[in-house]
Amino acid sequence: MPTAFDSAPTPEGTPLRVMSGACGPRRLSLGHGLGYGAGDFGCNLYWQTISLFLYFYCTDVAGIAPALAGFSFAIASVYDAIADPVTGAIIDRFRLRGGRYRSLMRFGAIPLALSFAIMFYVPPASGVALVIYATSFHILVRSFYTLVNLPDLAMTASMTSDYAECSTLVSVRIVFGSVAGISVALLVPKTISALTGKVTQPHFMAVALLGLLSTIMILLCVGNTRESAEGVAEAANLAASGRSIVPAVARDFARFWSMLRVTGPLLRVLGSIVTAAIALTMFSTLARNAIAAAGYLGFWINSNPSMATTRLDRVGGRGGGELCH
């Protein structure tokens, strides 16, 4: 039975195909598309939980002063901004038998779930020790998240070099990610409420269950996606060249700031992120309930993904073919 992945024609009228092998080119199947979407679903369960609930967990549950909680969050975010391009340059040079992207996702899935759960555990500490604990595990979670999420995002170009199929995969990823965000906003508060009074640390148990679900989804992605031989050869060439990752990272930062100066949609996306963060704090004050405010705001944001993606889709439609190569 034909699917959206193997029946859609290219502009030239030929079937969409990927990954040449000994038996000839192979089409992307529906299983490949759903498997790829499962990976983004799992990653967004983590990211949306951090975005919507972590700050308020630190202040309302762990008892960290708001200023110190914000400072801790800022340290982890700055670390993340530096670690992402460095990790990406390292991943580009990885050569692993199971594929450089899928192997890293498989390796990082369980450590990410464990560190994520521990981040929401209230230790027998207070003051500076508690802030150090929260900051350290926040950084650890972001490290493992980068190790899992960057390969997942980069896998689009490795699964297919066809622009139409690449666009379909990106659409599937956005849908799965939006569903994950809505699920977090609606279900995490309900799960915490249901566990309150039954376990000592309901937040820890709730995110532990969330981490288990995320791990399953990420491993489903690993098991139902494939990487092209061209990607493996590219990694081998980069590793054999012996070139330092420092110039590559410097170029990535330079390109980002160049894009930021001239790309209106990117500025709007960044602005929406800042606006959401400010609105979340305001909603919390008005509602006098941080968890409920995060849930309502998260539901609203994830129910309106077009506010950040519509313009980007238009830009991509004018000539974003390079994104898939």
Protein backbone atom coordinates (compact mmCIF):
# COMPACT_ATOMS: atom_id res chain seq x y z
CA MET A 1 0.00 0.00 0.00
CA PRO A 2 1.59 3.32 -1.03
CA THR A 3 2.33 5.90 1.65
CA ALA A 4 3.15 9.59 1.71
CA PHE A 5 6.79 8.61 1.87
CA ASP A 6 6.99 6.33 -1.15
CA SER A 7 4.34 7.62 -3.53
CA ALA A 8 4.90 11.39 -3.63
CA PRO A 9 6.46 12.51 -6.94
CA THR A 10 9.43 14.82 -7.24
CA PRO A 11 9.18 17.88 -9.51
CA GLU A 12 10.54 15.67 -12.30
CA GLY A 13 7.81 13.08 -11.68
CA THR A 14 10.08 10.33 -10.35
CA PRO A 15 9.48 8.46 -7.06
CA LEU A 16 11.20 9.71 -3.92
CA ARG A 17 14.11 7.45 -3.06
CA VAL A 18 16.94 7.33 -0.54
CA MET A 19 20.08 5.40 0.26
CA SER A 20 21.51 3.45 -2.60
CA GLY A 21 22.77 0.01 -1.76
CA ALA A 22 23.63 -3.31 -3.35
CA CYS A 23 19.94 -3.94 -4.09
CA GLY A 24 19.33 -0.48 -5.54
CA PRO A 25 17.71 2.63 -4.11
CA ARG A 26 15.17 2.30 -1.30
CA ARG A 27 12.15 4.45 -0.59
CA LEU A 28 11.39 5.88 2.82
CA SER A 29 8.59 3.85 4.35
CA LEU A 30 5.80 4.97 6.65
CA GLY A 31 7.66 3.18 9.47
CA HIS A 32 10.74 5.32 8.84
CA GLY A 33 8.65 8.48 9.08
CA LEU A 34 6.82 7.46 12.25
CA GLY A 35 10.06 6.22 13.78
CA TYR A 36 11.70 9.56 13.11
CA GLY A 37 8.74 11.38 14.64
CA ALA A 38 8.94 9.17 17.75
CA GLY A 39 12.44 10.49 18.42
CA ASP A 40 11.29 14.08 18.42
CA PHE A 41 8.33 13.16 20.61
CA GLY A 42 10.70 11.68 23.19
CA CYS A 43 13.07 14.65 23.07
CA ASN A 44 10.24 17.16 23.46
CA LEU A 45 8.91 15.39 26.54
CA TYR A 46 12.21 16.35 28.17
CA TRP A 47 12.52 19.84 26.72
CA GLN A 48 8.98 20.98 27.40
CA THR A 49 9.16 19.70 30.98
CA ILE A 50 12.33 21.71 31.55
CA SER A 51 10.89 24.80 29.88
CA LEU A 52 7.53 24.74 31.66
CA PHE A 53 8.19 23.28 35.09
CA LEU A 54 11.85 23.22 36.15
CA TYR A 55 12.14 26.82 37.33
CA PHE A 56 8.97 26.59 39.42
CA TYR A 57 10.05 23.22 40.77
CA CYS A 58 13.29 24.81 41.98
CA THR A 59 11.50 27.71 43.69
CA ASP A 60 8.24 26.16 44.93
CA VAL A 61 9.32 22.59 45.71
CA ALA A 62 13.09 22.56 46.24
CA GLY A 63 12.96 25.88 48.08
CA ILE A 64 15.63 27.73 46.10
CA ALA A 65 15.33 31.52 46.12
CA PRO A 66 13.93 32.82 42.79
CA ALA A 67 17.04 34.90 42.04
CA LEU A 68 19.34 31.92 42.64
CA ALA A 69 17.06 29.63 40.61
CA GLY A 70 17.20 32.09 37.72
CA PHE A 71 20.98 32.35 38.03
CA SER A 72 21.25 28.54 37.99
CA PHE A 73 19.07 28.40 34.88
CA ALA A 74 21.21 31.07 33.20
CA ILE A 75 24.43 29.15 33.87
CA ALA A 76 22.98 25.98 32.34
CA SER A 77 21.65 27.90 29.34
CA VAL A 78 25.00 29.59 28.63
CA TYR A 79 26.71 26.21 28.92
CA ASP A 80 24.17 24.79 26.47
CA ALA A 81 24.80 27.57 23.94
CA ILE A 82 28.50 26.70 23.91
CA ALA A 83 28.16 22.92 24.16
CA ASP A 84 25.74 22.52 21.24
CA PRO A 85 28.03 23.64 18.38
CA VAL A 86 31.04 21.90 19.95
CA THR A 87 29.09 18.65 20.26
CA GLY A 88 27.81 19.04 16.69
CA ALA A 89 31.35 19.40 15.35
CA ILE A 90 32.40 16.28 17.27
CA ILE A 91 29.39 14.29 16.04
CA ASP A 92 30.24 15.19 12.44
CA ARG A 93 33.54 13.33 12.90
CA PHE A 94 32.11 10.22 14.55
CA ARG A 95 32.52 6.86 12.81
CA LEU A 96 30.43 4.09 14.35
CA ARG A 97 29.28 0.81 12.86
CA GLY A 98 25.63 1.37 13.75
CA GLY A 99 25.61 4.87 12.24
CA ARG A 100 26.97 7.97 13.92
CA TYR A 101 23.55 9.46 14.76
CA ARG A 102 21.61 6.39 15.84
CA SER A 103 24.52 5.02 17.90
CA LEU A 104 24.81 8.24 19.90
CA MET A 105 21.06 8.35 20.48
CA ARG A 106 21.13 4.76 21.72
CA PHE A 107 24.07 5.51 24.01
CA GLY A 108 22.56 8.69 25.49
CA ALA A 109 18.93 7.64 25.94
CA ILE A 110 19.20 5.88 29.33
CA PRO A 111 21.72 8.30 30.96
CA LEU A 112 19.47 11.16 29.89
CA ALA A 113 16.44 9.57 31.57
CA LEU A 114 18.35 8.87 34.79
CA SER A 115 19.89 12.34 35.08
CA PHE A 116 16.53 13.92 34.21
CA ALA A 117 14.78 12.10 37.07
CA ILE A 118 17.56 12.92 39.56
CA MET A 119 17.32 16.60 38.60
CA PHE A 120 13.79 16.59 40.06
CA TYR A 121 14.82 14.82 43.26
CA VAL A 122 14.98 17.02 46.36
CA PRO A 123 18.22 16.13 48.16
CA PRO A 124 18.86 16.53 51.91
CA ALA A 125 20.70 19.80 51.29
CA SER A 126 20.03 23.52 51.51
CA GLY A 127 21.58 26.86 50.67
CA VAL A 128 24.59 26.90 48.36
CA ALA A 129 24.83 23.10 48.30
CA LEU A 130 21.29 22.83 46.96
CA VAL A 131 21.95 25.41 44.24
CA ILE A 132 25.13 23.57 43.20
CA TYR A 133 23.20 20.30 43.10
CA ALA A 134 20.43 21.77 40.93
CA THR A 135 22.87 23.51 38.57
CA SER A 136 25.12 20.47 38.19
CA PHE A 137 22.32 18.10 37.26
CA HIS A 138 20.72 20.71 34.99
CA ILE A 139 24.02 20.92 33.09
CA LEU A 140 24.32 17.12 33.05
CA VAL A 141 20.79 16.77 31.63
CA ARG A 142 21.51 19.35 28.94
CA SER A 143 24.72 17.49 28.04
CA PHE A 144 22.95 14.17 27.52
CA TYR A 145 20.04 15.94 25.82
CA THR A 146 22.44 17.48 23.32
CA LEU A 147 23.98 14.06 22.71
CA VAL A 148 20.53 12.65 21.87
CA ASN A 149 18.72 15.59 20.28
CA LEU A 150 21.39 16.88 17.89
CA PRO A 151 21.74 13.51 16.12
CA ASP A 152 17.95 13.27 15.95
CA LEU A 153 17.70 16.67 14.26
CA ALA A 154 20.60 15.97 11.90
CA MET A 155 19.26 12.58 10.86
CA THR A 156 16.80 14.15 8.41
CA ALA A 157 19.56 14.88 5.92
CA SER A 158 21.07 11.43 6.46
CA MET A 159 17.80 9.58 5.81
CA THR A 160 17.14 11.23 2.45
CA SER A 161 18.70 13.75 0.10
CA ASP A 162 15.37 14.45 -1.63
CA TYR A 163 13.91 17.84 -0.71
CA ALA A 164 10.28 16.71 -0.84
CA GLU A 165 10.88 13.76 1.47
CA CYS A 166 13.05 15.90 3.71
CA SER A 167 10.16 18.38 4.02
CA THR A 168 7.79 15.53 4.89
CA LEU A 169 10.10 14.32 7.64
CA VAL A 170 10.38 17.83 9.08
CA SER A 171 6.58 18.13 9.08
CA VAL A 172 6.26 14.81 10.91
CA ARG A 173 8.84 15.99 13.45
CA ILE A 174 6.94 19.23 14.10
CA VAL A 175 3.64 17.38 14.59
CA PHE A 176 5.13 14.85 17.00
CA GLY A 177 6.96 17.59 18.90
CA SER A 178 3.78 19.66 19.26
CA VAL A 179 1.84 16.64 20.52
CA ALA A 180 4.59 15.99 23.07
CA GLY A 181 4.44 19.59 24.29
CA ILE A 182 0.68 19.49 24.73
CA SER A 183 0.97 16.14 26.52
CA VAL A 184 3.50 17.53 28.97
CA ALA A 185 1.44 20.66 29.68
CA LEU A 186 -1.71 18.65 30.35
CA LEU A 187 -0.51 15.40 31.91
CA VAL A 188 2.47 16.33 34.12
CA PRO A 189 0.39 18.45 36.56
CA LYS A 190 -2.29 15.73 36.71
CA THR A 191 0.32 13.03 37.34
CA ILE A 192 1.93 15.04 40.14
CA SER A 193 -1.46 15.66 41.72
CA ALA A 194 -2.34 11.98 41.52
CA LEU A 195 0.95 10.97 43.19
CA THR A 196 0.84 13.62 45.93
CA GLY A 197 0.22 11.97 49.28
CA LYS A 198 1.02 8.51 47.90
CA VAL A 199 4.79 8.87 47.44
CA THR A 200 7.38 10.96 49.25
CA GLN A 201 8.53 12.88 46.15
CA PRO A 202 5.74 13.00 43.55
CA HIS A 203 7.67 15.27 41.17
CA PHE A 204 10.57 12.80 41.06
CA MET A 205 8.25 9.87 40.37
CA ALA A 206 6.29 11.78 37.71
CA VAL A 207 9.37 12.73 35.70
CA ALA A 208 10.84 9.25 36.17
CA LEU A 209 7.77 7.85 34.41
CA LEU A 210 8.13 10.55 31.77
CA GLY A 211 11.78 9.61 31.28
CA LEU A 212 10.80 5.96 30.80
CA LEU A 213 8.32 6.92 28.09
CA SER A 214 10.88 9.21 26.45
CA THR A 215 13.50 6.46 26.43
CA ILE A 216 11.09 4.04 24.75
CA MET A 217 10.26 6.61 22.06
CA ILE A 218 13.92 7.44 21.40
CA LEU A 219 14.84 3.75 21.11
CA LEU A 220 11.89 3.26 18.74
CA CYS A 221 13.38 6.03 16.62
CA VAL A 222 16.77 4.33 16.64
CA GLY A 223 15.26 1.00 15.64
CA ASN A 224 13.05 2.36 12.85
CA THR A 225 15.34 4.78 11.03
CA ARG A 226 18.29 4.31 8.72
CA GLU A 227 21.35 6.35 7.81
CA SER A 228 22.78 6.67 4.33
CA ALA A 229 26.20 5.36 3.33
CA GLU A 230 27.05 8.87 2.17
CA GLY A 231 26.82 10.17 5.75
CA VAL A 232 29.17 7.49 7.03
CA ALA A 233 31.66 8.33 4.26
CA GLU A 234 31.44 12.03 5.11
CA ALA A 235 32.25 11.33 8.76
CA ALA A 236 35.19 9.18 7.72
CA ASN A 237 36.55 11.94 5.49
CA LEU A 238 36.23 14.56 8.25
CA ALA A 239 37.94 12.28 10.78
CA ALA A 240 40.73 11.41 8.34
CA SER A 241 41.37 15.05 7.48
CA GLY A 242 42.67 15.71 10.99
CA ARG A 243 41.24 19.22 10.98
CA SER A 244 40.55 20.79 14.37
CA ILE A 245 36.97 21.34 15.46
CA VAL A 246 37.81 24.83 16.73
CA PRO A 247 37.61 26.55 13.30
CA ALA A 248 34.39 24.67 12.53
CA VAL A 249 32.77 25.84 15.77
CA ALA A 250 33.96 29.42 15.18
CA ARG A 251 32.41 29.35 11.69
CA ASP A 252 29.12 28.06 13.11
CA PHE A 253 28.95 30.92 15.61
CA ALA A 254 29.79 33.46 12.88
CA ARG A 255 27.08 32.07 10.59
CA PHE A 256 24.52 32.16 13.38
CA TRP A 257 25.11 35.83 14.14
CA SER A 258 25.10 36.65 10.42
CA MET A 259 21.73 34.90 10.05
CA LEU A 260 20.42 36.66 13.14
CA ARG A 261 21.17 40.07 11.64
CA VAL A 262 19.37 39.45 8.35
CA THR A 263 16.71 36.80 9.10
CA GLY A 264 13.45 38.21 10.41
CA PRO A 265 11.79 34.81 11.13
CA LEU A 266 14.69 33.75 13.36
CA LEU A 267 14.40 36.97 15.36
CA ARG A 268 10.66 36.37 15.73
CA VAL A 269 11.25 32.84 17.01
CA LEU A 270 13.76 34.11 19.59
CA GLY A 271 11.35 36.87 20.55
CA SER A 272 8.52 34.37 21.05
CA ILE A 273 10.75 32.31 23.36
CA VAL A 274 11.57 35.35 25.51
CA THR A 275 7.93 36.46 25.51
CA ALA A 276 6.78 32.99 26.61
CA ALA A 277 9.28 32.97 29.47
CA ILE A 278 8.11 36.39 30.72
CA ALA A 279 4.43 35.47 30.29
CA LEU A 280 4.97 32.26 32.25
CA THR A 281 6.17 34.22 35.27
CA MET A 282 3.29 36.70 34.97
CA PHE A 283 0.72 33.90 34.66
CA SER A 284 2.17 32.26 37.74
CA THR A 285 1.77 35.45 39.76
CA LEU A 286 -1.80 36.01 38.61
CA ALA A 287 -2.89 32.40 39.03
CA ARG A 288 -1.00 31.96 42.32
CA ASN A 289 -0.27 28.45 41.10
CA ALA A 290 2.95 27.88 39.13
CA ILE A 291 2.06 24.38 37.94
CA ALA A 292 -1.37 25.41 36.65
CA ALA A 293 0.07 28.52 34.96
CA ALA A 294 2.75 26.45 33.23
CA GLY A 295 0.15 23.96 32.07
CA TYR A 296 -2.18 26.60 30.64
CA LEU A 297 0.63 28.52 28.93
CA GLY A 298 2.19 25.37 27.54
CA PHE A 299 -1.14 24.23 26.13
CA TRP A 300 -1.63 27.63 24.48
CA ILE A 301 1.86 27.76 22.97
CA ASN A 302 1.77 24.21 21.65
CA SER A 303 -1.74 24.66 20.28
CA ASN A 304 -0.46 27.56 18.15
CA PRO A 305 2.83 26.34 16.65
CA SER A 306 2.14 28.34 13.48
CA MET A 307 3.10 31.57 15.24
CA ALA A 308 6.75 30.54 15.04
CA THR A 309 6.76 28.24 12.00
CA THR A 310 4.58 29.84 9.31
CA ARG A 311 7.15 32.38 8.18
CA LEU A 312 9.97 29.84 8.40
CA ASP A 313 8.02 27.45 6.16
CA ARG A 314 7.65 30.23 3.59
CA VAL A 315 11.38 30.91 3.67
CA GLY A 316 12.15 27.21 3.32
CA GLY A 317 9.75 26.93 0.38
CA ARG A 318 11.72 29.56 -1.58
CA GLY A 319 14.90 27.60 -1.69
CA GLY A 320 15.70 25.67 1.45
CA GLY A 321 17.04 22.70 -0.47
CA GLU A 322 20.43 23.17 1.17
CA LEU A 323 18.89 22.08 4.49
CA CYS A 324 18.75 18.50 3.24
CA HIS A 325 22.30 18.24 1.99
